[in-house]
Amino acid sequence: MTNIDEQGRPEPPVNADETGTLLGFLDFQRATFEWKIGGLDAAGLNVTVAASSMTLGGMIKHLAYVEDYWFSAFLHGRDAHAPWDAVDWKADRDWDWHSAGQDTPEQLMELWQDAVTRSRAAVKDALADGGPEQLARRTWPNGDTPNLRWILCHMIEEYARHNGHADLIRESIDGLTGE
């Protein structure tokens, strides 16, 4: 049974197995991010804080890219999905962040939600193939190959770090605070 907190987020399980715990924490972090970006219009998604050029819209697009990159391209060795397949990453390594201002809130949310849906399916496939020990199909330049366990931990860290950024930006927009 999943407990839902006051923000509508699924609480991570308190005594699940390794995979259930990792997936529970990743879903909690995703839900925290969704809460932080919820209800904002284009102007809100383009707000910056202090000297940073980081926006919530850029963060949405970046996390959509990161979902697709780690779970589809890296873990399963699949070709990049649109729009990532048409990007000249050498010309702009931060295209995901820089291009988000050209997208509507609806486009950004759809991009992120579709990426999360693909990621969940990719994780399910990898778990069926070999569990958390399942090695990625791609390797790092030094020849090391992360397993699904590492990728899940990395994604939890990625969301947790950006949720901290989202806290600051969202509070500057309308005062929303919370974990």
N, C-alpha and C. Protein backbone atom coordinates (compact mmCIF):
# COMPACT_ATOMS: atom_id res chain seq x y z
N MET A 1 0.84 -1.18 0.00
CA MET A 1 0.00 0.00 0.00
C MET A 1 0.89 1.25 0.00
N THR A 2 0.56 2.19 -0.86
CA THR A 2 1.33 3.43 -0.96
C THR A 2 0.65 4.51 -0.14
N ASN A 3 1.43 5.16 0.72
CA ASN A 3 0.92 6.31 1.47
C ASN A 3 1.18 7.56 0.67
N ILE A 4 0.18 8.43 0.61
CA ILE A 4 0.27 9.69 -0.12
C ILE A 4 0.34 10.82 0.90
N ASP A 5 1.31 11.72 0.74
CA ASP A 5 1.45 12.82 1.70
C ASP A 5 0.52 13.99 1.35
N GLU A 6 0.61 15.06 2.12
CA GLU A 6 -0.30 16.20 1.96
C GLU A 6 -0.11 16.94 0.64
N GLN A 7 1.01 16.74 -0.06
CA GLN A 7 1.21 17.34 -1.38
C GLN A 7 0.86 16.37 -2.51
N GLY A 8 0.34 15.21 -2.16
CA GLY A 8 -0.04 14.22 -3.17
C GLY A 8 1.11 13.36 -3.66
N ARG A 9 2.22 13.34 -2.91
CA ARG A 9 3.38 12.56 -3.31
C ARG A 9 3.35 11.18 -2.66
N PRO A 10 3.75 10.16 -3.42
CA PRO A 10 3.84 8.82 -2.83
C PRO A 10 5.04 8.73 -1.90
N GLU A 11 4.79 8.41 -0.65
CA GLU A 11 5.89 8.26 0.32
C GLU A 11 6.71 7.02 -0.05
N PRO A 12 8.04 7.11 0.02
CA PRO A 12 8.85 5.92 -0.22
C PRO A 12 8.51 4.84 0.81
N PRO A 13 8.53 3.58 0.39
CA PRO A 13 8.21 2.51 1.34
C PRO A 13 9.25 2.44 2.45
N VAL A 14 8.80 2.07 3.64
CA VAL A 14 9.72 2.03 4.79
C VAL A 14 10.40 0.68 4.98
N ASN A 15 9.89 -0.38 4.35
CA ASN A 15 10.58 -1.67 4.50
C ASN A 15 10.44 -2.54 3.25
N ALA A 16 10.67 -1.93 2.10
CA ALA A 16 10.64 -2.67 0.83
C ALA A 16 12.00 -3.28 0.56
N ASP A 17 12.08 -4.09 -0.48
CA ASP A 17 13.37 -4.61 -0.90
C ASP A 17 14.16 -3.48 -1.58
N GLU A 18 15.36 -3.79 -2.02
CA GLU A 18 16.24 -2.77 -2.61
C GLU A 18 15.58 -2.06 -3.79
N THR A 19 15.04 -2.82 -4.71
CA THR A 19 14.44 -2.22 -5.90
C THR A 19 13.23 -1.38 -5.55
N GLY A 20 12.37 -1.88 -4.68
CA GLY A 20 11.20 -1.12 -4.26
C GLY A 20 11.58 0.18 -3.56
N THR A 21 12.64 0.13 -2.77
CA THR A 21 13.11 1.33 -2.08
C THR A 21 13.65 2.35 -3.07
N LEU A 22 14.51 1.91 -3.98
CA LEU A 22 15.07 2.82 -4.98
C LEU A 22 13.98 3.45 -5.83
N LEU A 23 13.06 2.64 -6.32
CA LEU A 23 11.98 3.17 -7.16
C LEU A 23 11.05 4.08 -6.36
N GLY A 24 10.83 3.74 -5.10
CA GLY A 24 10.00 4.58 -4.24
C GLY A 24 10.60 5.95 -4.02
N PHE A 25 11.91 6.00 -3.79
CA PHE A 25 12.56 7.29 -3.60
C PHE A 25 12.62 8.08 -4.90
N LEU A 26 12.83 7.41 -6.04
CA LEU A 26 12.84 8.13 -7.31
C LEU A 26 11.46 8.71 -7.61
N ASP A 27 10.41 7.94 -7.39
CA ASP A 27 9.05 8.45 -7.62
C ASP A 27 8.72 9.60 -6.67
N PHE A 28 9.19 9.54 -5.44
CA PHE A 28 8.98 10.63 -4.50
C PHE A 28 9.67 11.90 -4.99
N GLN A 29 10.90 11.76 -5.48
CA GLN A 29 11.62 12.93 -5.98
C GLN A 29 10.95 13.50 -7.23
N ARG A 30 10.48 12.63 -8.11
CA ARG A 30 9.74 13.10 -9.30
C ARG A 30 8.48 13.85 -8.88
N ALA A 31 7.76 13.30 -7.92
CA ALA A 31 6.52 13.94 -7.45
C ALA A 31 6.81 15.27 -6.76
N THR A 32 7.92 15.35 -6.05
CA THR A 32 8.33 16.61 -5.43
C THR A 32 8.59 17.66 -6.51
N PHE A 33 9.28 17.27 -7.56
CA PHE A 33 9.54 18.19 -8.66
C PHE A 33 8.23 18.64 -9.30
N GLU A 34 7.34 17.70 -9.54
CA GLU A 34 6.04 18.06 -10.15
C GLU A 34 5.27 19.04 -9.27
N TRP A 35 5.35 18.86 -7.96
CA TRP A 35 4.70 19.78 -7.03
C TRP A 35 5.31 21.17 -7.15
N LYS A 36 6.64 21.24 -7.24
CA LYS A 36 7.34 22.52 -7.30
C LYS A 36 7.04 23.30 -8.57
N ILE A 37 6.74 22.62 -9.68
CA ILE A 37 6.49 23.31 -10.94
C ILE A 37 5.01 23.47 -11.24
N GLY A 38 4.17 22.86 -10.41
CA GLY A 38 2.74 22.83 -10.67
C GLY A 38 2.08 24.20 -10.68
N GLY A 39 1.20 24.40 -11.65
CA GLY A 39 0.36 25.59 -11.70
C GLY A 39 1.04 26.84 -12.21
N LEU A 40 2.26 26.74 -12.69
CA LEU A 40 2.94 27.94 -13.17
C LEU A 40 2.69 28.18 -14.65
N ASP A 41 2.60 29.45 -15.02
CA ASP A 41 2.45 29.82 -16.42
C ASP A 41 3.85 30.02 -17.03
N ALA A 42 3.88 30.45 -18.29
CA ALA A 42 5.16 30.62 -18.99
C ALA A 42 6.05 31.62 -18.27
N ALA A 43 5.47 32.70 -17.77
CA ALA A 43 6.27 33.70 -17.07
C ALA A 43 6.91 33.09 -15.82
N GLY A 44 6.15 32.33 -15.06
CA GLY A 44 6.68 31.68 -13.87
C GLY A 44 7.78 30.69 -14.19
N LEU A 45 7.63 29.96 -15.29
CA LEU A 45 8.63 28.96 -15.67
C LEU A 45 9.91 29.60 -16.19
N ASN A 46 9.88 30.89 -16.48
CA ASN A 46 11.06 31.59 -16.99
C ASN A 46 11.72 32.51 -15.98
N VAL A 47 11.27 32.48 -14.73
CA VAL A 47 11.87 33.30 -13.67
C VAL A 47 13.27 32.78 -13.34
N THR A 48 14.19 33.72 -13.12
CA THR A 48 15.53 33.37 -12.65
C THR A 48 15.72 33.99 -11.26
N VAL A 49 16.70 33.48 -10.54
CA VAL A 49 17.01 33.98 -9.20
C VAL A 49 18.47 34.41 -9.17
N ALA A 50 18.70 35.60 -8.67
CA ALA A 50 20.05 36.14 -8.51
C ALA A 50 20.80 36.10 -9.84
N ALA A 51 22.04 35.68 -9.83
CA ALA A 51 22.87 35.70 -11.04
C ALA A 51 22.69 34.45 -11.90
N SER A 52 21.93 33.48 -11.44
CA SER A 52 21.77 32.24 -12.18
C SER A 52 20.82 32.43 -13.37
N SER A 53 21.12 31.73 -14.45
CA SER A 53 20.22 31.73 -15.61
C SER A 53 19.25 30.55 -15.56
N MET A 54 19.32 29.76 -14.50
CA MET A 54 18.47 28.58 -14.35
C MET A 54 17.00 28.97 -14.19
N THR A 55 16.13 28.29 -14.93
CA THR A 55 14.68 28.49 -14.81
C THR A 55 14.01 27.16 -14.54
N LEU A 56 12.79 27.21 -14.04
CA LEU A 56 12.03 25.97 -13.84
C LEU A 56 11.69 25.33 -15.19
N GLY A 57 11.41 26.14 -16.20
CA GLY A 57 11.16 25.59 -17.53
C GLY A 57 12.38 24.85 -18.06
N GLY A 58 13.56 25.46 -17.88
CA GLY A 58 14.79 24.79 -18.30
C GLY A 58 15.01 23.51 -17.52
N MET A 59 14.65 23.54 -16.25
CA MET A 59 14.81 22.36 -15.41
C MET A 59 13.88 21.23 -15.87
N ILE A 60 12.66 21.58 -16.26
CA ILE A 60 11.72 20.56 -16.77
C ILE A 60 12.32 19.89 -18.00
N LYS A 61 12.79 20.70 -18.93
CA LYS A 61 13.33 20.15 -20.18
C LYS A 61 14.61 19.35 -19.91
N HIS A 62 15.45 19.86 -19.03
CA HIS A 62 16.67 19.15 -18.67
C HIS A 62 16.36 17.78 -18.05
N LEU A 63 15.41 17.74 -17.12
CA LEU A 63 15.09 16.46 -16.48
C LEU A 63 14.42 15.50 -17.47
N ALA A 64 13.67 16.02 -18.43
CA ALA A 64 13.13 15.15 -19.49
C ALA A 64 14.28 14.53 -20.28
N TYR A 65 15.26 15.36 -20.61
CA TYR A 65 16.43 14.86 -21.34
C TYR A 65 17.19 13.82 -20.51
N VAL A 66 17.42 14.12 -19.24
CA VAL A 66 18.17 13.21 -18.37
C VAL A 66 17.44 11.87 -18.23
N GLU A 67 16.12 11.91 -18.09
CA GLU A 67 15.33 10.66 -18.03
C GLU A 67 15.59 9.83 -19.28
N ASP A 68 15.43 10.44 -20.46
CA ASP A 68 15.63 9.71 -21.72
C ASP A 68 17.07 9.24 -21.88
N TYR A 69 18.01 10.10 -21.53
CA TYR A 69 19.41 9.74 -21.71
C TYR A 69 19.79 8.51 -20.88
N TRP A 70 19.51 8.55 -19.58
CA TRP A 70 19.97 7.47 -18.71
C TRP A 70 19.19 6.18 -18.89
N PHE A 71 17.88 6.28 -18.99
CA PHE A 71 17.09 5.04 -19.01
C PHE A 71 16.89 4.46 -20.41
N SER A 72 16.86 5.27 -21.41
CA SER A 72 16.65 4.77 -22.76
C SER A 72 17.97 4.63 -23.51
N ALA A 73 18.66 5.75 -23.68
CA ALA A 73 19.89 5.73 -24.47
C ALA A 73 21.02 4.98 -23.77
N PHE A 74 21.31 5.30 -22.52
CA PHE A 74 22.46 4.69 -21.85
C PHE A 74 22.17 3.27 -21.39
N LEU A 75 21.08 3.08 -20.65
CA LEU A 75 20.77 1.76 -20.11
C LEU A 75 20.48 0.75 -21.21
N HIS A 76 19.64 1.14 -22.18
CA HIS A 76 19.21 0.19 -23.21
C HIS A 76 19.89 0.37 -24.56
N GLY A 77 20.71 1.42 -24.71
CA GLY A 77 21.42 1.63 -25.97
C GLY A 77 20.52 2.06 -27.11
N ARG A 78 19.37 2.62 -26.80
CA ARG A 78 18.41 3.03 -27.83
C ARG A 78 18.80 4.38 -28.42
N ASP A 79 18.32 4.62 -29.63
CA ASP A 79 18.53 5.92 -30.26
C ASP A 79 17.78 6.99 -29.50
N ALA A 80 18.27 8.21 -29.60
CA ALA A 80 17.64 9.34 -28.92
C ALA A 80 16.24 9.60 -29.47
N HIS A 81 15.34 10.00 -28.59
CA HIS A 81 13.98 10.40 -28.96
C HIS A 81 13.98 11.86 -29.38
N ALA A 82 12.93 12.26 -30.09
CA ALA A 82 12.73 13.68 -30.39
C ALA A 82 12.42 14.38 -29.06
N PRO A 83 12.88 15.57 -28.85
CA PRO A 83 13.64 16.42 -29.75
C PRO A 83 15.15 16.23 -29.66
N TRP A 84 15.61 15.35 -28.78
CA TRP A 84 17.04 15.21 -28.51
C TRP A 84 17.82 14.74 -29.73
N ASP A 85 17.18 14.01 -30.61
CA ASP A 85 17.86 13.44 -31.78
C ASP A 85 18.23 14.51 -32.82
N ALA A 86 17.65 15.70 -32.74
CA ALA A 86 17.92 16.75 -33.73
C ALA A 86 18.79 17.87 -33.16
N VAL A 87 19.31 17.70 -31.95
CA VAL A 87 20.08 18.76 -31.29
C VAL A 87 21.56 18.64 -31.65
N ASP A 88 22.18 19.78 -31.93
CA ASP A 88 23.64 19.83 -32.11
C ASP A 88 24.24 20.10 -30.73
N TRP A 89 24.48 19.05 -29.97
CA TRP A 89 24.96 19.17 -28.60
C TRP A 89 26.36 19.77 -28.54
N LYS A 90 27.15 19.62 -29.59
CA LYS A 90 28.48 20.22 -29.61
C LYS A 90 28.39 21.74 -29.71
N ALA A 91 27.38 22.23 -30.40
CA ALA A 91 27.19 23.68 -30.54
C ALA A 91 26.64 24.31 -29.27
N ASP A 92 25.81 23.55 -28.53
CA ASP A 92 25.22 24.06 -27.28
C ASP A 92 25.00 22.90 -26.33
N ARG A 93 25.96 22.67 -25.46
CA ARG A 93 25.88 21.56 -24.49
C ARG A 93 24.70 21.70 -23.54
N ASP A 94 24.19 22.92 -23.38
CA ASP A 94 23.06 23.17 -22.48
C ASP A 94 21.80 23.54 -23.25
N TRP A 95 21.64 22.97 -24.43
CA TRP A 95 20.48 23.28 -25.26
C TRP A 95 19.17 23.04 -24.51
N ASP A 96 19.11 21.97 -23.74
CA ASP A 96 17.88 21.66 -23.01
C ASP A 96 17.50 22.83 -22.11
N TRP A 97 18.46 23.41 -21.43
CA TRP A 97 18.20 24.56 -20.57
C TRP A 97 17.88 25.81 -21.38
N HIS A 98 18.66 26.07 -22.42
CA HIS A 98 18.54 27.32 -23.18
C HIS A 98 17.29 27.39 -24.05
N SER A 99 16.82 26.27 -24.55
CA SER A 99 15.70 26.28 -25.49
C SER A 99 14.33 26.24 -24.82
N ALA A 100 14.28 26.00 -23.54
CA ALA A 100 12.99 25.81 -22.86
C ALA A 100 12.09 27.05 -22.92
N GLY A 101 12.66 28.23 -22.97
CA GLY A 101 11.87 29.45 -23.03
C GLY A 101 11.04 29.57 -24.29
N GLN A 102 11.36 28.77 -25.30
CA GLN A 102 10.60 28.78 -26.56
C GLN A 102 9.41 27.82 -26.50
N ASP A 103 9.30 27.04 -25.45
CA ASP A 103 8.23 26.05 -25.31
C ASP A 103 7.14 26.55 -24.38
N THR A 104 5.93 26.10 -24.61
CA THR A 104 4.83 26.44 -23.71
C THR A 104 4.91 25.56 -22.47
N PRO A 105 4.27 25.97 -21.38
CA PRO A 105 4.23 25.10 -20.21
C PRO A 105 3.67 23.72 -20.54
N GLU A 106 2.66 23.68 -21.39
CA GLU A 106 2.04 22.40 -21.76
C GLU A 106 3.02 21.52 -22.53
N GLN A 107 3.79 22.11 -23.44
CA GLN A 107 4.79 21.34 -24.19
C GLN A 107 5.87 20.78 -23.26
N LEU A 108 6.32 21.62 -22.33
CA LEU A 108 7.35 21.17 -21.39
C LEU A 108 6.85 20.03 -20.51
N MET A 109 5.64 20.18 -19.99
CA MET A 109 5.09 19.13 -19.12
C MET A 109 4.90 17.83 -19.89
N GLU A 110 4.40 17.93 -21.11
CA GLU A 110 4.20 16.73 -21.92
C GLU A 110 5.54 16.05 -22.22
N LEU A 111 6.55 16.84 -22.54
CA LEU A 111 7.88 16.30 -22.81
C LEU A 111 8.41 15.54 -21.59
N TRP A 112 8.30 16.16 -20.42
CA TRP A 112 8.79 15.53 -19.20
C TRP A 112 7.96 14.29 -18.82
N GLN A 113 6.65 14.42 -18.86
CA GLN A 113 5.80 13.29 -18.48
C GLN A 113 5.99 12.11 -19.43
N ASP A 114 6.13 12.37 -20.73
CA ASP A 114 6.39 11.29 -21.68
C ASP A 114 7.73 10.62 -21.40
N ALA A 115 8.74 11.42 -21.06
CA ALA A 115 10.06 10.86 -20.74
C ALA A 115 9.99 9.98 -19.50
N VAL A 116 9.26 10.44 -18.47
CA VAL A 116 9.11 9.64 -17.25
C VAL A 116 8.39 8.33 -17.56
N THR A 117 7.36 8.38 -18.39
CA THR A 117 6.63 7.16 -18.77
C THR A 117 7.57 6.19 -19.48
N ARG A 118 8.37 6.69 -20.43
CA ARG A 118 9.33 5.81 -21.12
C ARG A 118 10.35 5.25 -20.14
N SER A 119 10.78 6.07 -19.19
CA SER A 119 11.77 5.62 -18.21
C SER A 119 11.22 4.49 -17.35
N ARG A 120 9.99 4.64 -16.91
CA ARG A 120 9.39 3.58 -16.08
C ARG A 120 9.33 2.27 -16.85
N ALA A 121 8.98 2.34 -18.13
CA ALA A 121 8.93 1.13 -18.96
C ALA A 121 10.33 0.55 -19.16
N ALA A 122 11.31 1.42 -19.36
CA ALA A 122 12.69 0.96 -19.55
C ALA A 122 13.23 0.29 -18.30
N VAL A 123 12.91 0.83 -17.14
CA VAL A 123 13.34 0.23 -15.88
C VAL A 123 12.67 -1.12 -15.69
N LYS A 124 11.40 -1.19 -15.99
CA LYS A 124 10.67 -2.46 -15.87
C LYS A 124 11.31 -3.53 -16.76
N ASP A 125 11.66 -3.14 -17.99
CA ASP A 125 12.33 -4.09 -18.90
C ASP A 125 13.68 -4.54 -18.34
N ALA A 126 14.45 -3.60 -17.81
CA ALA A 126 15.78 -3.94 -17.27
C ALA A 126 15.66 -4.83 -16.04
N LEU A 127 14.67 -4.56 -15.21
CA LEU A 127 14.47 -5.40 -14.03
C LEU A 127 14.10 -6.82 -14.43
N ALA A 128 13.30 -6.96 -15.48
CA ALA A 128 12.93 -8.29 -15.95
C ALA A 128 14.13 -9.02 -16.55
N ASP A 129 15.08 -8.26 -17.10
CA ASP A 129 16.26 -8.84 -17.73
C ASP A 129 17.37 -9.23 -16.76
N GLY A 130 17.46 -8.52 -15.61
CA GLY A 130 18.57 -8.84 -14.73
C GLY A 130 18.55 -8.14 -13.40
N GLY A 131 17.47 -7.48 -13.06
CA GLY A 131 17.38 -6.82 -11.77
C GLY A 131 18.29 -5.61 -11.69
N PRO A 132 18.54 -5.14 -10.47
CA PRO A 132 19.37 -3.94 -10.31
C PRO A 132 20.80 -4.13 -10.80
N GLU A 133 21.23 -5.40 -10.94
CA GLU A 133 22.58 -5.68 -11.43
C GLU A 133 22.69 -5.55 -12.95
N GLN A 134 21.54 -5.39 -13.63
CA GLN A 134 21.54 -5.29 -15.09
C GLN A 134 22.50 -4.19 -15.53
N LEU A 135 23.48 -4.56 -16.35
CA LEU A 135 24.45 -3.58 -16.84
C LEU A 135 23.86 -2.77 -17.99
N ALA A 136 24.28 -1.51 -18.07
CA ALA A 136 23.88 -0.64 -19.17
C ALA A 136 24.50 -1.17 -20.46
N ARG A 137 23.89 -0.84 -21.56
CA ARG A 137 24.42 -1.25 -22.86
C ARG A 137 25.56 -0.34 -23.32
N ARG A 138 25.59 0.85 -22.77
CA ARG A 138 26.67 1.79 -23.12
C ARG A 138 27.68 1.84 -21.98
N THR A 139 28.87 2.24 -22.31
CA THR A 139 29.93 2.35 -21.31
C THR A 139 30.47 3.77 -21.29
N TRP A 140 31.16 4.09 -20.20
CA TRP A 140 31.84 5.37 -20.09
C TRP A 140 33.12 5.31 -20.92
N PRO A 141 33.70 6.46 -21.23
CA PRO A 141 34.95 6.46 -22.02
C PRO A 141 36.07 5.61 -21.42
N ASN A 142 36.09 5.46 -20.10
CA ASN A 142 37.14 4.65 -19.48
C ASN A 142 36.83 3.15 -19.51
N GLY A 143 35.69 2.78 -20.08
CA GLY A 143 35.32 1.37 -20.20
C GLY A 143 34.43 0.85 -19.10
N ASP A 144 34.23 1.61 -18.03
CA ASP A 144 33.33 1.19 -16.95
C ASP A 144 31.89 1.20 -17.44
N THR A 145 31.12 0.27 -16.90
CA THR A 145 29.71 0.17 -17.26
C THR A 145 28.87 0.20 -15.99
N PRO A 146 28.04 1.24 -15.83
CA PRO A 146 27.19 1.26 -14.63
C PRO A 146 26.06 0.26 -14.75
N ASN A 147 25.56 -0.17 -13.61
CA ASN A 147 24.39 -1.04 -13.63
C ASN A 147 23.14 -0.21 -13.32
N LEU A 148 21.99 -0.85 -13.40
CA LEU A 148 20.73 -0.16 -13.15
C LEU A 148 20.70 0.43 -11.75
N ARG A 149 21.24 -0.25 -10.77
CA ARG A 149 21.29 0.27 -9.40
C ARG A 149 21.97 1.64 -9.37
N TRP A 150 23.13 1.76 -10.03
CA TRP A 150 23.86 3.02 -10.07
C TRP A 150 23.02 4.10 -10.76
N ILE A 151 22.39 3.74 -11.88
CA ILE A 151 21.59 4.71 -12.63
C ILE A 151 20.42 5.20 -11.78
N LEU A 152 19.76 4.30 -11.07
CA LEU A 152 18.65 4.71 -10.21
C LEU A 152 19.14 5.65 -9.10
N CYS A 153 20.26 5.31 -8.48
CA CYS A 153 20.81 6.20 -7.44
C CYS A 153 21.19 7.55 -8.03
N HIS A 154 21.77 7.54 -9.20
CA HIS A 154 22.14 8.79 -9.86
C HIS A 154 20.90 9.65 -10.14
N MET A 155 19.83 9.03 -10.59
CA MET A 155 18.62 9.78 -10.90
C MET A 155 17.96 10.34 -9.64
N ILE A 156 18.01 9.60 -8.54
CA ILE A 156 17.51 10.13 -7.27
C ILE A 156 18.32 11.37 -6.90
N GLU A 157 19.64 11.29 -7.03
CA GLU A 157 20.50 12.43 -6.74
C GLU A 157 20.21 13.60 -7.67
N GLU A 158 20.02 13.32 -8.94
CA GLU A 158 19.74 14.37 -9.94
C GLU A 158 18.47 15.13 -9.57
N TYR A 159 17.41 14.40 -9.27
CA TYR A 159 16.16 15.06 -8.88
C TYR A 159 16.30 15.80 -7.56
N ALA A 160 16.95 15.19 -6.58
CA ALA A 160 17.08 15.84 -5.27
C ALA A 160 17.84 17.16 -5.39
N ARG A 161 18.90 17.16 -6.18
CA ARG A 161 19.68 18.38 -6.38
C ARG A 161 18.84 19.46 -7.05
N HIS A 162 18.14 19.09 -8.12
CA HIS A 162 17.32 20.07 -8.82
C HIS A 162 16.08 20.47 -8.03
N ASN A 163 15.59 19.59 -7.17
CA ASN A 163 14.47 19.99 -6.30
C ASN A 163 14.91 21.10 -5.35
N GLY A 164 16.15 21.08 -4.92
CA GLY A 164 16.66 22.18 -4.10
C GLY A 164 16.68 23.48 -4.87
N HIS A 165 17.12 23.41 -6.14
CA HIS A 165 17.08 24.61 -6.98
C HIS A 165 15.63 25.07 -7.17
N ALA A 166 14.75 24.12 -7.43
CA ALA A 166 13.34 24.45 -7.66
C ALA A 166 12.72 25.11 -6.43
N ASP A 167 13.12 24.67 -5.23
CA ASP A 167 12.63 25.29 -4.00
C ASP A 167 12.90 26.79 -4.01
N LEU A 168 14.13 27.15 -4.30
CA LEU A 168 14.52 28.57 -4.27
C LEU A 168 13.79 29.38 -5.34
N ILE A 169 13.73 28.83 -6.54
CA ILE A 169 13.08 29.57 -7.63
C ILE A 169 11.59 29.71 -7.34
N ARG A 170 10.93 28.63 -6.94
CA ARG A 170 9.49 28.69 -6.69
C ARG A 170 9.17 29.65 -5.55
N GLU A 171 9.96 29.63 -4.50
CA GLU A 171 9.71 30.55 -3.39
C GLU A 171 9.80 32.00 -3.86
N SER A 172 10.71 32.28 -4.78
CA SER A 172 10.85 33.65 -5.29
C SER A 172 9.67 34.07 -6.16
N ILE A 173 8.95 33.10 -6.72
CA ILE A 173 7.82 33.40 -7.60
C ILE A 173 6.57 33.73 -6.80
N ASP A 174 6.20 32.84 -5.88
CA ASP A 174 4.92 33.03 -5.19
C ASP A 174 4.96 32.65 -3.71
N GLY A 175 6.15 32.43 -3.19
CA GLY A 175 6.28 32.14 -1.76
C GLY A 175 6.06 30.70 -1.38
N LEU A 176 5.77 29.81 -2.36
CA LEU A 176 5.56 28.40 -2.04
C LEU A 176 6.83 27.81 -1.43
N THR A 177 6.69 27.23 -0.27
CA THR A 177 7.81 26.58 0.39
C THR A 177 7.40 25.17 0.81
N GLY A 178 8.38 24.41 1.19
CA GLY A 178 8.14 23.04 1.64
C GLY A 178 9.32 22.19 1.23
N GLU A 179 9.28 20.92 1.62
CA GLU A 179 10.42 20.03 1.33
C GLU A 179 10.82 20.12 -0.12
